[in-house]
Amino acid sequence: MLKLSDLHTYYGSVHALKGISLHVERGKIVTLVGSNGAGKSSTLNTIAGLVRP
């Protein structure tokens, strides 16, 4: 249902996401956890189209 491969996102010159790959099968529930600054919001914002990869 959702597959991302080698996703990179920048905020200006800052390389925020470096090669994220994610595969979620239909019917699965997935959580994204990590400490502050780990890239959770950047990942979700990129998937949602709020930030360009």
PDB file of N, CA and C in Angstrom:
ATOM      1  N   MET A   1       0.824  -1.183   0.000  1.00  0.00           N
ATOM      2  CA  MET A   1       0.000   0.000   0.000  1.00  0.00           C
ATOM      3  C   MET A   1       0.874   1.255   0.000  1.00  0.00           C
ATOM      4  N   LEU A   2       1.902   1.279   0.835  1.00  0.00           N
ATOM      5  CA  LEU A   2       2.834   2.417   0.873  1.00  0.00           C
ATOM      6  C   LEU A   2       4.247   1.882   0.767  1.00  0.00           C
ATOM      7  N   LYS A   3       4.990   2.411  -0.178  1.00  0.00           N
ATOM      8  CA  LYS A   3       6.388   2.017  -0.325  1.00  0.00           C
ATOM      9  C   LYS A   3       7.201   3.255  -0.678  1.00  0.00           C
ATOM     10  N   LEU A   4       8.183   3.552   0.145  1.00  0.00           N
ATOM     11  CA  LEU A   4       9.128   4.637  -0.102  1.00  0.00           C
ATOM     12  C   LEU A   4      10.511   4.028  -0.172  1.00  0.00           C
ATOM     13  N   SER A   5      11.302   4.473  -1.111  1.00  0.00           N
ATOM     14  CA  SER A   5      12.661   3.947  -1.232  1.00  0.00           C
ATOM     15  C   SER A   5      13.644   5.090  -1.412  1.00  0.00           C
ATOM     16  N   ASP A   6      14.677   5.099  -0.583  1.00  0.00           N
ATOM     17  CA  ASP A   6      15.786   6.044  -0.686  1.00  0.00           C
ATOM     18  C   ASP A   6      15.309   7.499  -0.682  1.00  0.00           C
ATOM     19  N   LEU A   7      14.471   7.833   0.283  1.00  0.00           N
ATOM     20  CA  LEU A   7      13.899   9.172   0.408  1.00  0.00           C
ATOM     21  C   LEU A   7      14.898  10.126   1.059  1.00  0.00           C
ATOM     22  N   HIS A   8      15.111  11.266   0.434  1.00  0.00           N
ATOM     23  CA  HIS A   8      15.989  12.315   0.962  1.00  0.00           C
ATOM     24  C   HIS A   8      15.199  13.614   1.008  1.00  0.00           C
ATOM     25  N   THR A   9      15.314  14.347   2.104  1.00  0.00           N
ATOM     26  CA  THR A   9      14.641  15.636   2.243  1.00  0.00           C
ATOM     27  C   THR A   9      15.629  16.649   2.796  1.00  0.00           C
ATOM     28  N   TYR A  10      15.574  17.836   2.235  1.00  0.00           N
ATOM     29  CA  TYR A  10      16.447  18.934   2.669  1.00  0.00           C
ATOM     30  C   TYR A  10      15.612  20.109   3.143  1.00  0.00           C
ATOM     31  N   TYR A  11      16.100  20.807   4.148  1.00  0.00           N
ATOM     32  CA  TYR A  11      15.585  22.112   4.551  1.00  0.00           C
ATOM     33  C   TYR A  11      16.720  23.082   4.277  1.00  0.00           C
ATOM     34  N   GLY A  12      16.673  23.710   3.115  1.00  0.00           N
ATOM     35  CA  GLY A  12      17.790  24.539   2.692  1.00  0.00           C
ATOM     36  C   GLY A  12      19.001  23.645   2.469  1.00  0.00           C
ATOM     37  N   SER A  13      20.091  23.904   3.166  1.00  0.00           N
ATOM     38  CA  SER A  13      21.294  23.087   3.009  1.00  0.00           C
ATOM     39  C   SER A  13      21.364  21.935   4.023  1.00  0.00           C
ATOM     40  N   VAL A  14      20.361  21.851   4.904  1.00  0.00           N
ATOM     41  CA  VAL A  14      20.343  20.798   5.926  1.00  0.00           C
ATOM     42  C   VAL A  14      19.723  19.528   5.349  1.00  0.00           C
ATOM     43  N   HIS A  15      20.467  18.444   5.385  1.00  0.00           N
ATOM     44  CA  HIS A  15      20.013  17.142   4.878  1.00  0.00           C
ATOM     45  C   HIS A  15      19.261  16.444   6.010  1.00  0.00           C
ATOM     46  N   ALA A  16      17.924  16.614   6.053  1.00  0.00           N
ATOM     47  CA  ALA A  16      17.121  16.157   7.183  1.00  0.00           C
ATOM     48  C   ALA A  16      16.827  14.659   7.136  1.00  0.00           C
ATOM     49  N   LEU A  17      16.522  14.123   5.977  1.00  0.00           N
ATOM     50  CA  LEU A  17      16.270  12.685   5.816  1.00  0.00           C
ATOM     51  C   LEU A  17      17.289  12.126   4.839  1.00  0.00           C
ATOM     52  N   LYS A  18      17.952  11.069   5.230  1.00  0.00           N
ATOM     53  CA  LYS A  18      19.040  10.525   4.422  1.00  0.00           C
ATOM     54  C   LYS A  18      18.763   9.070   4.065  1.00  0.00           C
ATOM     55  N   GLY A  19      18.083   8.850   2.955  1.00  0.00           N
ATOM     56  CA  GLY A  19      17.902   7.501   2.436  1.00  0.00           C
ATOM     57  C   GLY A  19      16.887   6.658   3.175  1.00  0.00           C
ATOM     58  N   ILE A  20      15.766   7.265   3.584  1.00  0.00           N
ATOM     59  CA  ILE A  20      14.716   6.524   4.291  1.00  0.00           C
ATOM     60  C   ILE A  20      14.033   5.554   3.324  1.00  0.00           C
ATOM     61  N   SER A  21      13.875   4.316   3.739  1.00  0.00           N
ATOM     62  CA  SER A  21      13.103   3.327   2.990  1.00  0.00           C
ATOM     63  C   SER A  21      12.049   2.747   3.925  1.00  0.00           C
ATOM     64  N   LEU A  22      10.829   2.616   3.429  1.00  0.00           N
ATOM     65  CA  LEU A  22       9.717   2.172   4.248  1.00  0.00           C
ATOM     66  C   LEU A  22       8.745   1.399   3.376  1.00  0.00           C
ATOM     67  N   HIS A  23       8.300   0.257   3.856  1.00  0.00           N
ATOM     68  CA  HIS A  23       7.299  -0.542   3.153  1.00  0.00           C
ATOM     69  C   HIS A  23       6.232  -0.943   4.156  1.00  0.00           C
ATOM     70  N   VAL A  24       4.995  -0.578   3.878  1.00  0.00           N
ATOM     71  CA  VAL A  24       3.873  -0.924   4.750  1.00  0.00           C
ATOM     72  C   VAL A  24       2.854  -1.691   3.915  1.00  0.00           C
ATOM     73  N   GLU A  25       2.529  -2.887   4.358  1.00  0.00           N
ATOM     74  CA  GLU A  25       1.563  -3.713   3.642  1.00  0.00           C
ATOM     75  C   GLU A  25       0.135  -3.300   3.980  1.00  0.00           C
ATOM     76  N   ARG A  26      -0.767  -3.567   3.066  1.00  0.00           N
ATOM     77  CA  ARG A  26      -2.183  -3.271   3.251  1.00  0.00           C
ATOM     78  C   ARG A  26      -2.685  -3.944   4.527  1.00  0.00           C
ATOM     79  N   GLY A  27      -3.439  -3.193   5.330  1.00  0.00           N
ATOM     80  CA  GLY A  27      -4.012  -3.727   6.546  1.00  0.00           C
ATOM     81  C   GLY A  27      -3.110  -3.674   7.764  1.00  0.00           C
ATOM     82  N   LYS A  28      -1.892  -3.208   7.611  1.00  0.00           N
ATOM     83  CA  LYS A  28      -0.945  -3.131   8.729  1.00  0.00           C
ATOM     84  C   LYS A  28      -1.016  -1.759   9.391  1.00  0.00           C
ATOM     85  N   ILE A  29      -0.761  -1.727  10.672  1.00  0.00           N
ATOM     86  CA  ILE A  29      -0.663  -0.483  11.426  1.00  0.00           C
ATOM     87  C   ILE A  29       0.796  -0.316  11.831  1.00  0.00           C
ATOM     88  N   VAL A  30       1.348   0.853  11.549  1.00  0.00           N
ATOM     89  CA  VAL A  30       2.763   1.106  11.792  1.00  0.00           C
ATOM     90  C   VAL A  30       2.906   2.380  12.614  1.00  0.00           C
ATOM     91  N   THR A  31       3.848   2.389  13.540  1.00  0.00           N
ATOM     92  CA  THR A  31       4.163   3.598  14.288  1.00  0.00           C
ATOM     93  C   THR A  31       5.583   4.048  13.957  1.00  0.00           C
ATOM     94  N   LEU A  32       5.810   5.311  14.108  1.00  0.00           N
ATOM     95  CA  LEU A  32       7.127   5.889  13.873  1.00  0.00           C
ATOM     96  C   LEU A  32       7.561   6.547  15.171  1.00  0.00           C
ATOM     97  N   VAL A  33       8.577   6.000  15.812  1.00  0.00           N
ATOM     98  CA  VAL A  33       9.030   6.510  17.101  1.00  0.00           C
ATOM     99  C   VAL A  33      10.498   6.911  17.023  1.00  0.00           C
ATOM    100  N   GLY A  34      10.884   7.824  17.886  1.00  0.00           N
ATOM    101  CA  GLY A  34      12.275   8.250  17.960  1.00  0.00           C
ATOM    102  C   GLY A  34      12.394   9.465  18.844  1.00  0.00           C
ATOM    103  N   SER A  35      13.601   9.818  19.160  1.00  0.00           N
ATOM    104  CA  SER A  35      13.846  10.978  20.021  1.00  0.00           C
ATOM    105  C   SER A  35      13.629  12.274  19.248  1.00  0.00           C
ATOM    106  N   ASN A  36      13.664  13.381  19.977  1.00  0.00           N
ATOM    107  CA  ASN A  36      13.542  14.697  19.334  1.00  0.00           C
ATOM    108  C   ASN A  36      14.652  14.870  18.300  1.00  0.00           C
ATOM    109  N   GLY A  37      14.271  15.366  17.133  1.00  0.00           N
ATOM    110  CA  GLY A  37      15.249  15.604  16.085  1.00  0.00           C
ATOM    111  C   GLY A  37      15.605  14.382  15.263  1.00  0.00           C
ATOM    112  N   ALA A  38      14.884  13.274  15.469  1.00  0.00           N
ATOM    113  CA  ALA A  38      15.202  12.038  14.751  1.00  0.00           C
ATOM    114  C   ALA A  38      14.645  12.015  13.320  1.00  0.00           C
ATOM    115  N   GLY A  39      13.684  12.897  13.010  1.00  0.00           N
ATOM    116  CA  GLY A  39      13.143  12.955  11.656  1.00  0.00           C
ATOM    117  C   GLY A  39      11.721  12.446  11.511  1.00  0.00           C
ATOM    118  N   LYS A  40      11.025  12.222  12.613  1.00  0.00           N
ATOM    119  CA  LYS A  40       9.645  11.725  12.552  1.00  0.00           C
ATOM    120  C   LYS A  40       8.740  12.696  11.804  1.00  0.00           C
ATOM    121  N   SER A  41       8.729  13.946  12.206  1.00  0.00           N
ATOM    122  CA  SER A  41       7.878  14.951  11.561  1.00  0.00           C
ATOM    123  C   SER A  41       8.301  15.191  10.121  1.00  0.00           C
ATOM    124  N   SER A  42       9.590  15.224   9.868  1.00  0.00           N
ATOM    125  CA  SER A  42      10.074  15.415   8.496  1.00  0.00           C
ATOM    126  C   SER A  42       9.618  14.269   7.598  1.00  0.00           C
ATOM    127  N   THR A  43       9.663  13.050   8.113  1.00  0.00           N
ATOM    128  CA  THR A  43       9.224  11.887   7.336  1.00  0.00           C
ATOM    129  C   THR A  43       7.736  12.001   7.016  1.00  0.00           C
ATOM    130  N   LEU A  44       6.922  12.265   8.018  1.00  0.00           N
ATOM    131  CA  LEU A  44       5.478  12.358   7.800  1.00  0.00           C
ATOM    132  C   LEU A  44       5.110  13.555   6.933  1.00  0.00           C
ATOM    133  N   ASN A  45       5.776  14.681   7.118  1.00  0.00           N
ATOM    134  CA  ASN A  45       5.511  15.849   6.288  1.00  0.00           C
ATOM    135  C   ASN A  45       5.883  15.604   4.826  1.00  0.00           C
ATOM    136  N   THR A  46       6.932  14.851   4.586  1.00  0.00           N
ATOM    137  CA  THR A  46       7.337  14.520   3.221  1.00  0.00           C
ATOM    138  C   THR A  46       6.329  13.570   2.594  1.00  0.00           C
ATOM    139  N   ILE A  47       5.902  12.537   3.353  1.00  0.00           N
ATOM    140  CA  ILE A  47       4.901  11.598   2.838  1.00  0.00           C
ATOM    141  C   ILE A  47       3.595  12.333   2.507  1.00  0.00           C
ATOM    142  N   ALA A  48       3.205  13.285   3.359  1.00  0.00           N
ATOM    143  CA  ALA A  48       1.958  14.030   3.160  1.00  0.00           C
ATOM    144  C   ALA A  48       2.053  15.071   2.047  1.00  0.00           C
ATOM    145  N   GLY A  49       3.260  15.323   1.554  1.00  0.00           N
ATOM    146  CA  GLY A  49       3.450  16.287   0.485  1.00  0.00           C
ATOM    147  C   GLY A  49       3.630  17.706   0.951  1.00  0.00           C
ATOM    148  N   LEU A  50       3.796  17.913   2.260  1.00  0.00           N
ATOM    149  CA  LEU A  50       4.001  19.250   2.788  1.00  0.00           C
ATOM    150  C   LEU A  50       5.429  19.742   2.580  1.00  0.00           C
ATOM    151  N   VAL A  51       6.349  18.796   2.424  1.00  0.00           N
ATOM    152  CA  VAL A  51       7.760  19.096   2.153  1.00  0.00           C
ATOM    153  C   VAL A  51       8.161  18.261   0.938  1.00  0.00           C
ATOM    154  N   ARG A  52       8.873  18.868   0.018  1.00  0.00           N
ATOM    155  CA  ARG A  52       9.306  18.142  -1.187  1.00  0.00           C
ATOM    156  C   ARG A  52      10.538  17.304  -0.894  1.00  0.00           C
ATOM    157  N   PRO A  53      10.534  16.041  -1.363  1.00  0.00           N
ATOM    158  CA  PRO A  53      11.727  15.202  -1.197  1.00  0.00           C
ATOM    159  C   PRO A  53      12.856  15.654  -2.097  1.00  0.00           C
TER     160      PRO A  53
END
